[in-house]
C-alpha atoms as a PDB file:
ATOM      1  CA  MET A   1      66.887 -26.117 -78.603  1.00  0.00           C
ATOM      2  CA  HIS A   2      63.779 -26.339 -77.503  1.00  0.00           C
ATOM      3  CA  GLN A   3      64.907 -27.429 -73.778  1.00  0.00           C
ATOM      4  CA  GLN A   4      67.342 -25.078 -73.116  1.00  0.00           C
ATOM      5  CA  TYR A   5      64.518 -22.219 -74.067  1.00  0.00           C
ATOM      6  CA  GLN A   6      62.931 -23.690 -71.558  1.00  0.00           C
ATOM      7  CA  GLN A   7      65.587 -23.591 -68.851  1.00  0.00           C
ATOM      8  CA  GLN A   8      66.372 -20.126 -69.995  1.00  0.00           C
ATOM      9  CA  GLN A   9      62.651 -19.222 -68.904  1.00  0.00           C
ATOM     10  CA  GLN A  10      62.329 -21.501 -65.640  1.00  0.00           C
ATOM     11  CA  GLN A  11      65.621 -19.327 -64.463  1.00  0.00           C
ATOM     12  CA  GLN A  12      64.431 -15.981 -65.142  1.00  0.00           C
ATOM     13  CA  GLN A  13      61.254 -16.512 -63.337  1.00  0.00           C
ATOM     14  CA  GLN A  14      63.582 -17.949 -60.442  1.00  0.00           C
ATOM     15  CA  GLY A  15      65.413 -14.612 -60.788  1.00  0.00           C
ATOM     16  CA  ASN A  16      62.437 -12.569 -61.119  1.00  0.00           C
ATOM     17  CA  LEU A  17      60.831 -14.136 -57.438  1.00  0.00           C
ATOM     18  CA  VAL A  18      64.279 -13.781 -55.341  1.00  0.00           C
ATOM     19  CA  GLY A  19      63.793 -10.294 -56.508  1.00  0.00           C
ATOM     20  CA  TYR A  20      60.146  -9.992 -55.148  1.00  0.00           C
ATOM     21  CA  ASN A  21      61.252 -11.014 -52.438  1.00  0.00           C
ATOM     22  CA  ASN A  22      64.512  -9.016 -52.039  1.00  0.00           C
ATOM     23  CA  LYS A  23      61.824  -6.178 -51.959  1.00  0.00           C
ATOM     24  CA  MET A  24      59.389  -7.730 -49.245  1.00  0.00           C
ATOM     25  CA  ASN A  25      62.165  -7.908 -46.891  1.00  0.00           C
ATOM     26  CA  VAL A  26      63.084  -4.490 -47.161  1.00  0.00           C
ATOM     27  CA  LEU A  27      61.378  -2.329 -44.221  1.00  0.00           C
ATOM     28  CA  PRO A  28      60.774   1.260 -45.481  1.00  0.00           C
ATOM     29  CA  ASN A  29      62.435   3.869 -43.874  1.00  0.00           C
ATOM     30  CA  TYR A  30      59.523   6.823 -43.003  1.00  0.00           C
ATOM     31  CA  THR A  31      61.180  10.319 -43.080  1.00  0.00           C
ATOM     32  CA  LEU A  32      58.767  13.512 -41.300  1.00  0.00           C
ATOM     33  CA  SER A  33      59.716  16.954 -41.748  1.00  0.00           C
ATOM     34  CA  GLY A  34      60.785  18.387 -38.863  1.00  0.00           C
ATOM     35  CA  MET A  35      60.916  14.880 -37.106  1.00  0.00           C
ATOM     36  CA  SER A  36      63.370  12.029 -36.918  1.00  0.00           C
ATOM     37  CA  SER A  37      63.198   9.038 -39.406  1.00  0.00           C
ATOM     38  CA  PHE A  38      62.149   5.711 -37.830  1.00  0.00           C
ATOM     39  CA  ASP A  39      61.511   2.459 -39.442  1.00  0.00           C
ATOM     40  CA  ALA A  40      57.853   0.615 -39.442  1.00  0.00           C
ATOM     41  CA  GLU A  41      59.346  -2.399 -37.516  1.00  0.00           C
ATOM     42  CA  SER A  42      59.952  -0.091 -34.263  1.00  0.00           C
ATOM     43  CA  LEU A  43      56.384   0.705 -34.372  1.00  0.00           C
ATOM     44  CA  PRO A  44      54.761  -0.779 -30.596  1.00  0.00           C
ATOM     45  CA  ASP A  45      52.088  -3.984 -31.927  1.00  0.00           C
ATOM     46  CA  TYR A  46      49.026  -2.172 -30.432  1.00  0.00           C
ATOM     47  CA  SER A  47      45.743  -3.356 -31.165  1.00  0.00           C
ATOM     48  CA  GLU A  48      45.102  -0.248 -32.902  1.00  0.00           C
ATOM     49  CA  PHE A  49      47.042  -0.705 -35.905  1.00  0.00           C
ATOM     50  CA  ASP A  50      45.736  -4.054 -36.589  1.00  0.00           C
ATOM     51  CA  SER A  51      43.018  -3.395 -39.241  1.00  0.00           C
ATOM     52  CA  GLU A  52      41.980  -7.051 -38.894  1.00  0.00           C
ATOM     53  CA  SER A  53      40.761  -5.751 -35.231  1.00  0.00           C
ATOM     54  CA  VAL A  54      39.397  -2.757 -36.135  1.00  0.00           C
ATOM     55  CA  THR A  55      37.260  -4.393 -38.575  1.00  0.00           C
ATOM     56  CA  LEU A  56      36.421  -6.860 -36.757  1.00  0.00           C
ATOM     57  CA  ASP A  57      34.623  -4.458 -33.374  1.00  0.00           C
ATOM     58  CA  TYR A  58      33.074  -1.759 -36.041  1.00  0.00           C
ATOM     59  CA  TYR A  59      31.242  -5.227 -37.102  1.00  0.00           C
ATOM     60  CA  LYS A  60      30.211  -6.016 -33.446  1.00  0.00           C
ATOM     61  CA  GLU A  61      28.727  -2.536 -32.865  1.00  0.00           C
ATOM     62  CA  SER A  62      27.086  -2.666 -36.256  1.00  0.00           C
ATOM     63  CA  VAL A  63      25.297  -5.284 -35.220  1.00  0.00           C
ATOM     64  CA  LEU A  64      24.762  -4.467 -32.076  1.00  0.00           C
ATOM     65  CA  ARG A  65      23.178  -1.432 -33.008  1.00  0.00           C
ATOM     66  CA  PRO A  66      19.443  -0.901 -33.214  1.00  0.00           C
ATOM     67  CA  PRO A  67      17.597  -0.107 -36.531  1.00  0.00           C
ATOM     68  CA  ALA A  68      16.815   2.763 -37.014  1.00  0.00           C
ATOM     69  CA  GLU A  69      12.615   2.776 -36.097  1.00  0.00           C
ATOM     70  CA  LYS A  70      14.065   1.886 -32.943  1.00  0.00           C
ATOM     71  CA  MET A  71      15.881   4.984 -32.249  1.00  0.00           C
ATOM     72  CA  ALA A  72      13.474   7.647 -32.493  1.00  0.00           C
ATOM     73  CA  PRO A  73      12.050   8.900 -29.169  1.00  0.00           C
ATOM     74  CA  THR A  74       9.849   7.161 -26.979  1.00  0.00           C
ATOM     75  CA  THR A  75       7.221   8.554 -25.019  1.00  0.00           C
ATOM     76  CA  THR A  76       6.166   6.803 -21.309  1.00  0.00           C
ATOM     77  CA  ILE A  77       3.177   7.874 -19.396  1.00  0.00           C
ATOM     78  CA  GLU A  78       3.798   6.474 -15.708  1.00  0.00           C
ATOM     79  CA  THR A  79      -0.018   6.047 -13.980  1.00  0.00           C
ATOM     80  CA  ILE A  80       0.601   7.934 -10.275  1.00  0.00           C
ATOM     81  CA  THR A  81      -1.927   6.297  -7.506  1.00  0.00           C
ATOM     82  CA  ILE A  82      -1.777   9.175  -3.984  1.00  0.00           C
ATOM     83  CA  THR A  83      -4.673   7.735  -1.763  1.00  0.00           C
ATOM     84  CA  ARG A  84      -5.786  10.302   0.474  1.00  0.00           C
ATOM     85  CA  PRO A  85      -5.123   9.718   4.414  1.00  0.00           C
ATOM     86  CA  LEU A  86      -9.283  10.087   4.636  1.00  0.00           C
ATOM     87  CA  LYS A  87      -9.784   6.807   4.248  1.00  0.00           C
ATOM     88  CA  VAL A  88      -7.476   5.742   6.105  1.00  0.00           C
ATOM     89  CA  ILE A  89      -8.170   7.189   9.182  1.00  0.00           C
ATOM     90  CA  ALA A  90     -12.150   6.066   9.168  1.00  0.00           C
ATOM     91  CA  PHE A  91     -10.833   2.924   8.726  1.00  0.00           C
ATOM     92  CA  ILE A  92      -8.799   2.989  12.399  1.00  0.00           C
ATOM     93  CA  CYS A  93     -12.275   4.855  13.875  1.00  0.00           C
ATOM     94  CA  GLY A  94     -13.749   1.935  12.691  1.00  0.00           C
ATOM     95  CA  VAL A  95     -11.350  -0.168  14.446  1.00  0.00           C
ATOM     96  CA  ILE A  96     -11.602   1.938  17.505  1.00  0.00           C
ATOM     97  CA  VAL A  97     -14.756   1.297  18.004  1.00  0.00           C
ATOM     98  CA  VAL A  98     -15.015  -2.352  17.760  1.00  0.00           C
ATOM     99  CA  ALA A  99     -12.741  -2.128  21.030  1.00  0.00           C
ATOM    100  CA  LEU A 100     -14.874   0.315  22.545  1.00  0.00           C
ATOM    101  CA  MET A 101     -18.113  -1.843  21.776  1.00  0.00           C
ATOM    102  CA  ILE A 102     -16.702  -5.211  22.882  1.00  0.00           C
ATOM    103  CA  MET A 103     -15.369  -3.341  26.329  1.00  0.00           C
ATOM    104  CA  ALA A 104     -19.054  -1.727  26.578  1.00  0.00           C
ATOM    105  CA  LEU A 105     -20.604  -5.245  26.402  1.00  0.00           C
ATOM    106  CA  ALA A 106     -18.431  -6.730  28.867  1.00  0.00           C
ATOM    107  CA  SER A 107     -19.178  -4.470  31.637  1.00  0.00           C
ATOM    108  CA  THR A 108     -20.765  -4.376  34.617  1.00  0.00           C
ATOM    109  CA  ASP A 109     -20.543  -0.326  34.924  1.00  0.00           C
ATOM    110  CA  TRP A 110     -23.720   0.844  33.117  1.00  0.00           C
ATOM    111  CA  LEU A 111     -25.457   1.849  35.794  1.00  0.00           C
ATOM    112  CA  MET A 112     -23.690   2.540  39.396  1.00  0.00           C
ATOM    113  CA  ALA A 113     -25.565   3.138  42.899  1.00  0.00           C
ATOM    114  CA  SER A 114     -24.510   1.554  46.564  1.00  0.00           C
ATOM    115  CA  ASP A 115     -23.841  -1.453  46.394  1.00  0.00           C
ATOM    116  CA  TRP A 116     -24.912  -2.308  43.166  1.00  0.00           C
ATOM    117  CA  ARG A 117     -23.320  -2.621  39.485  1.00  0.00           C
ATOM    118  CA  GLN A 118     -25.502  -3.128  36.671  1.00  0.00           C
ATOM    119  CA  GLY A 119     -24.138  -3.804  32.792  1.00  0.00           C
ATOM    120  CA  LEU A 120     -26.323  -5.054  29.803  1.00  0.00           C
ATOM    121  CA  PHE A 121     -26.139  -8.611  30.927  1.00  0.00           C
ATOM    122  CA  VAL A 122     -24.979  -9.040  34.311  1.00  0.00           C
ATOM    123  CA  HIS A 123     -25.657  -7.349  37.741  1.00  0.00           C
ATOM    124  CA  CYS A 124     -23.363  -7.418  40.799  1.00  0.00           C
ATOM    125  CA  ILE A 125     -24.213  -6.994  44.082  1.00  0.00           C
ATOM    126  CA  GLU A 126     -21.184  -5.697  46.652  1.00  0.00           C
ATOM    127  CA  ASP A 127     -20.834  -6.797  49.991  1.00  0.00           C
ATOM    128  CA  ASP A 128     -22.410  -5.640  53.241  1.00  0.00           C
ATOM    129  CA  SER A 129     -25.214  -4.009  51.317  1.00  0.00           C
ATOM    130  CA  VAL A 130     -27.627  -2.458  52.662  1.00  0.00           C
ATOM    131  CA  PRO A 131     -31.183  -3.641  52.080  1.00  0.00           C
ATOM    132  CA  PRO A 132     -33.402  -3.062  50.578  1.00  0.00           C
ATOM    133  CA  LEU A 133     -31.561  -3.805  47.404  1.00  0.00           C
ATOM    134  CA  PRO A 134     -32.789  -2.078  44.173  1.00  0.00           C
ATOM    135  CA  PHE A 135     -35.613  -3.006  42.154  1.00  0.00           C
ATOM    136  CA  ASN A 136     -36.458  -4.983  45.512  1.00  0.00           C
ATOM    137  CA  ILE A 137     -34.105  -7.669  45.027  1.00  0.00           C
ATOM    138  CA  GLN A 138     -33.190 -10.231  47.432  1.00  0.00           C
ATOM    139  CA  ASP A 139     -30.567 -12.240  46.252  1.00  0.00           C
ATOM    140  CA  PRO A 140     -27.284 -12.230  48.554  1.00  0.00           C
ATOM    141  CA  PRO A 141     -23.916 -10.623  46.943  1.00  0.00           C
ATOM    142  CA  GLY A 142     -22.460 -11.927  44.479  1.00  0.00           C
ATOM    143  CA  CYS A 143     -23.248 -11.230  40.582  1.00  0.00           C
ATOM    144  CA  TYR A 144     -26.224 -12.627  38.275  1.00  0.00           C
ATOM    145  CA  TRP A 145     -27.660 -12.431  35.540  1.00  0.00           C
ATOM    146  CA  THR A 146     -29.612  -8.742  34.480  1.00  0.00           C
ATOM    147  CA  ARG A 147     -33.251  -8.376  35.131  1.00  0.00           C
ATOM    148  CA  ASP A 148     -35.709  -9.686  32.729  1.00  0.00           C
ATOM    149  CA  VAL A 149     -36.598  -5.929  31.338  1.00  0.00           C
ATOM    150  CA  GLY A 150     -37.222  -5.083  28.522  1.00  0.00           C
ATOM    151  CA  TYR A 151     -34.981  -1.883  27.841  1.00  0.00           C
ATOM    152  CA  ILE A 152     -32.059  -3.625  29.375  1.00  0.00           C
ATOM    153  CA  LYS A 153     -32.212  -6.179  26.875  1.00  0.00           C
ATOM    154  CA  ALA A 154     -33.301  -3.903  24.012  1.00  0.00           C
ATOM    155  CA  THR A 155     -30.022  -1.718  24.600  1.00  0.00           C
ATOM    156  CA  ALA A 156     -28.043  -4.935  24.638  1.00  0.00           C
ATOM    157  CA  ALA A 157     -29.350  -5.551  21.225  1.00  0.00           C
ATOM    158  CA  LEU A 158     -28.868  -2.624  19.208  1.00  0.00           C
ATOM    159  CA  CYS A 159     -25.403  -2.207  21.056  1.00  0.00           C
ATOM    160  CA  ILE A 160     -24.207  -6.202  19.630  1.00  0.00           C
ATOM    161  CA  ILE A 161     -26.229  -4.768  16.340  1.00  0.00           C
ATOM    162  CA  THR A 162     -23.843  -1.748  16.598  1.00  0.00           C
ATOM    163  CA  LEU A 163     -20.966  -4.088  16.789  1.00  0.00           C
ATOM    164  CA  ILE A 164     -21.815  -6.688  14.281  1.00  0.00           C
ATOM    165  CA  THR A 165     -21.906  -3.259  11.324  1.00  0.00           C
ATOM    166  CA  ASP A 166     -19.383  -2.284  12.436  1.00  0.00           C
ATOM    167  CA  VAL A 167     -17.095  -5.031  11.882  1.00  0.00           C
ATOM    168  CA  ILE A 168     -18.468  -5.324   8.696  1.00  0.00           C
ATOM    169  CA  ALA A 169     -17.643  -1.784   7.824  1.00  0.00           C
ATOM    170  CA  THR A 170     -14.478  -1.605   8.723  1.00  0.00           C
ATOM    171  CA  VAL A 171     -13.757  -5.169   6.646  1.00  0.00           C
ATOM    172  CA  LEU A 172     -15.558  -3.240   3.681  1.00  0.00           C
ATOM    173  CA  THR A 173     -13.295   0.243   4.121  1.00  0.00           C
ATOM    174  CA  GLY A 174      -9.985  -2.088   4.795  1.00  0.00           C
ATOM    175  CA  LEU A 175     -10.988  -4.180   1.562  1.00  0.00           C
ATOM    176  CA  GLY A 176     -11.346  -0.835  -0.329  1.00  0.00           C
ATOM    177  CA  LEU A 177      -7.994   0.137   0.671  1.00  0.00           C
ATOM    178  CA  ARG A 178      -6.215  -2.741   0.157  1.00  0.00           C
ATOM    179  CA  THR A 179      -7.974  -3.249  -3.913  1.00  0.00           C
ATOM    180  CA  GLN A 180      -6.682  -1.587  -6.921  1.00  0.00           C
ATOM    181  CA  ASN A 181      -9.720  -1.983  -9.154  1.00  0.00           C
ATOM    182  CA  HIS A 182     -11.322   1.412  -8.622  1.00  0.00           C
ATOM    183  CA  ASN A 183     -14.169   1.035  -9.686  1.00  0.00           C
ATOM    184  CA  LEU A 184     -14.406  -2.024  -7.296  1.00  0.00           C
ATOM    185  CA  LYS A 185     -13.134   0.369  -4.581  1.00  0.00           C
ATOM    186  CA  TYR A 186     -15.697   2.918  -4.695  1.00  0.00           C
ATOM    187  CA  LYS A 187     -18.424  -0.151  -3.797  1.00  0.00           C
ATOM    188  CA  PHE A 188     -16.510  -0.985  -1.385  1.00  0.00           C
ATOM    189  CA  TYR A 189     -16.964   2.320   0.085  1.00  0.00           C
ATOM    190  CA  ARG A 190     -20.003   3.033  -0.323  1.00  0.00           C
ATOM    191  CA  ILE A 191     -21.497   0.110   1.024  1.00  0.00           C
ATOM    192  CA  ALA A 192     -19.400   0.874   3.883  1.00  0.00           C
ATOM    193  CA  VAL A 193     -20.911   4.124   4.428  1.00  0.00           C
ATOM    194  CA  LEU A 194     -24.278   2.580   4.433  1.00  0.00           C
ATOM    195  CA  VAL A 195     -23.521   0.335   7.542  1.00  0.00           C
ATOM    196  CA  MET A 196     -21.513   2.680   9.077  1.00  0.00           C
ATOM    197  CA  LEU A 197     -24.598   4.686   9.038  1.00  0.00           C
ATOM    198  CA  VAL A 198     -26.876   1.630  10.479  1.00  0.00           C
ATOM    199  CA  SER A 199     -24.463   0.858  13.679  1.00  0.00           C
ATOM    200  CA  LEU A 200     -24.072   4.558  14.407  1.00  0.00           C
ATOM    201  CA  LEU A 201     -28.187   4.785  14.301  1.00  0.00           C
ATOM    202  CA  ALA A 202     -28.127   1.640  16.555  1.00  0.00           C
ATOM    203  CA  VAL A 203     -26.245   2.573  19.339  1.00  0.00           C
ATOM    204  CA  LEU A 204     -27.290   6.053  19.406  1.00  0.00           C
ATOM    205  CA  SER A 205     -30.989   4.706  19.770  1.00  0.00           C
ATOM    206  CA  ALA A 206     -29.388   2.780  22.437  1.00  0.00           C
ATOM    207  CA  LEU A 207     -27.596   5.214  24.340  1.00  0.00           C
ATOM    208  CA  ILE A 208     -30.940   7.044  24.857  1.00  0.00           C
ATOM    209  CA  VAL A 209     -33.026   4.543  25.606  1.00  0.00           C
ATOM    210  CA  TYR A 210     -31.422   3.115  28.489  1.00  0.00           C
ATOM    211  CA  PRO A 211     -31.207   6.319  30.572  1.00  0.00           C
ATOM    212  CA  VAL A 212     -34.930   7.195  29.325  1.00  0.00           C
ATOM    213  CA  CYS A 213     -36.530   3.541  30.112  1.00  0.00           C
ATOM    214  CA  PHE A 214     -34.328   3.660  33.475  1.00  0.00           C
ATOM    215  CA  ALA A 215     -35.643   6.992  34.537  1.00  0.00           C
ATOM    216  CA  GLY A 216     -39.914   5.253  34.843  1.00  0.00           C
ATOM    217  CA  GLU A 217     -37.858   2.836  37.197  1.00  0.00           C
ATOM    218  CA  LEU A 218     -36.534   5.375  40.007  1.00  0.00           C
ATOM    219  CA  THR A 219     -39.472   4.611  42.244  1.00  0.00           C
ATOM    220  CA  MET A 220     -38.225   1.306  42.719  1.00  0.00           C
ATOM    221  CA  ALA A 221     -34.735   1.903  43.304  1.00  0.00           C
ATOM    222  CA  ASN A 222     -34.307   2.571  46.669  1.00  0.00           C
ATOM    223  CA  ARG A 223     -31.244   4.590  46.658  1.00  0.00           C
ATOM    224  CA  ARG A 224     -31.092   8.498  46.642  1.00  0.00           C
ATOM    225  CA  VAL A 225     -27.845   8.726  44.174  1.00  0.00           C
ATOM    226  CA  TRP A 226     -27.705   6.836  40.839  1.00  0.00           C
ATOM    227  CA  GLU A 227     -25.005   8.159  38.075  1.00  0.00           C
ATOM    228  CA  PHE A 228     -23.949   6.135  34.524  1.00  0.00           C
ATOM    229  CA  GLY A 229     -20.625   4.401  34.794  1.00  0.00           C
ATOM    230  CA  TRP A 230     -17.777   4.190  32.890  1.00  0.00           C
ATOM    231  CA  ALA A 231     -19.404   1.766  30.452  1.00  0.00           C
ATOM    232  CA  TYR A 232     -21.785   3.935  29.283  1.00  0.00           C
ATOM    233  CA  GLY A 233     -19.647   6.859  28.625  1.00  0.00           C
ATOM    234  CA  VAL A 234     -17.611   4.367  26.535  1.00  0.00           C
ATOM    235  CA  GLY A 235     -20.833   4.173  24.550  1.00  0.00           C
ATOM    236  CA  TRP A 236     -20.790   7.102  23.816  1.00  0.00           C
ATOM    237  CA  GLY A 237     -16.874   7.468  22.569  1.00  0.00           C
ATOM    238  CA  ALA A 238     -17.708   4.422  20.170  1.00  0.00           C
ATOM    239  CA  ALA A 239     -20.631   7.058  18.679  1.00  0.00           C
ATOM    240  CA  ILE A 240     -18.396  10.090  18.486  1.00  0.00           C
ATOM    241  CA  PHE A 241     -15.766   7.851  16.477  1.00  0.00           C
ATOM    242  CA  LEU A 242     -18.725   6.578  14.189  1.00  0.00           C
ATOM    243  CA  PHE A 243     -19.789   9.500  13.265  1.00  0.00           C
ATOM    244  CA  GLY A 244     -16.319  10.969  12.566  1.00  0.00           C
ATOM    245  CA  ALA A 245     -15.457   7.392  10.269  1.00  0.00           C
ATOM    246  CA  VAL A 246     -19.032   8.389   8.560  1.00  0.00           C
ATOM    247  CA  VAL A 247     -18.658  11.945   7.857  1.00  0.00           C
ATOM    248  CA  LEU A 248     -15.014  10.645   6.168  1.00  0.00           C
ATOM    249  CA  LEU A 249     -16.458   7.975   4.463  1.00  0.00           C
ATOM    250  CA  LEU A 250     -18.782  11.016   3.197  1.00  0.00           C
ATOM    251  CA  CYS A 251     -16.701  13.851   2.516  1.00  0.00           C
ATOM    252  CA  ASP A 252     -14.052  12.389   0.498  1.00  0.00           C
ATOM    253  CA  LYS A 253     -15.935  10.972  -1.831  1.00  0.00           C
ATOM    254  CA  GLU A 254     -12.929  11.043  -4.668  1.00  0.00           C
ATOM    255  CA  SER A 255     -10.925   8.514  -2.981  1.00  0.00           C
ATOM    256  CA  GLU A 256      -7.865   8.417  -4.613  1.00  0.00           C
ATOM    257  CA  GLU A 257      -6.178  11.516  -6.694  1.00  0.00           C
ATOM    258  CA  ILE A 258      -4.610   9.486 -10.426  1.00  0.00           C
ATOM    259  CA  TYR A 259      -1.464  11.582 -11.707  1.00  0.00           C
ATOM    260  CA  TYR A 260       0.022  10.925 -15.477  1.00  0.00           C
ATOM    261  CA  LYS A 261       3.663  11.339 -15.691  1.00  0.00           C
ATOM    262  CA  GLU A 262       4.664  11.997 -19.244  1.00  0.00           C
ATOM    263  CA  ARG A 263       8.261  11.544 -19.382  1.00  0.00           C
ATOM    264  CA  LYS A 264      10.221  11.830 -23.468  1.00  0.00           C
ATOM    265  CA  ILE A 265      12.883   9.735 -23.760  1.00  0.00           C
ATOM    266  CA  VAL A 266      15.498  10.790 -26.716  1.00  0.00           C
ATOM    267  CA  HIS A 267      18.602   8.786 -27.515  1.00  0.00           C
ATOM    268  CA  GLU A 268      21.836  10.583 -27.805  1.00  0.00           C
ATOM    269  CA  ASN A 269      22.293  10.375 -31.297  1.00  0.00           C
ATOM    270  CA  GLN A 270      19.372  12.512 -32.088  1.00  0.00           C
ATOM    271  CA  MET A 271      19.840  15.191 -29.905  1.00  0.00           C
ATOM    272  CA  ARG A 272      23.190  15.665 -31.305  1.00  0.00           C
ATOM    273  CA  ALA A 273      21.404  15.851 -35.182  1.00  0.00           C
END
């Protein structure tokens, strides 16, 4: 009896399991009001209907989403430095002065007369020159070292000082334009102005000393017509450019204008709120 009772219990459990499986295999039939009915089996296999994929996507988004404190509005301040062109023009003037002074020092056309050309280091006697030569020179035609006269040597020395100091001032101006350290930049410009002033005073002294001292030698000139050559004019051109560079450096005390640009970044979710 006990064995028969166990067999009946096993048969009843197997029958319930078969009935449950049959119910699970039957797909429901959905009917919407005003629309045709459809079976759940007819739905396409889209990922949108896959609950597992939707859950995974949401989890990925939640992981990548920054925390709440990082979504607060952020403000950034940008520093914009605008270099005024006056410093650049002063630098260009310094470069031009270097070229002009080299031309003036190398030329023999500071002082000119018939059959005669005189520079700061060399004087030249042209062919078929008519004696007596200026300053009672007895040399044949050709170029020779200049006469041992004090004002010529002083003028040459002042021009060399002008060239050297202008090179230093131009380099300092270029360093001031290049550096990003504002304190160092102002120091470069301040020293450049002082050095350029020395250069300007030197070239002006040379241009004044040369003609004044030459006027005292006219009694030995042996020529009626004398004129200052283009090299002397180049010296004045260098003085003009030096003066302009000094004025530009002095007038433009604020070498740069610094602007602070503020920008506020608001996240999209906060704009919606």
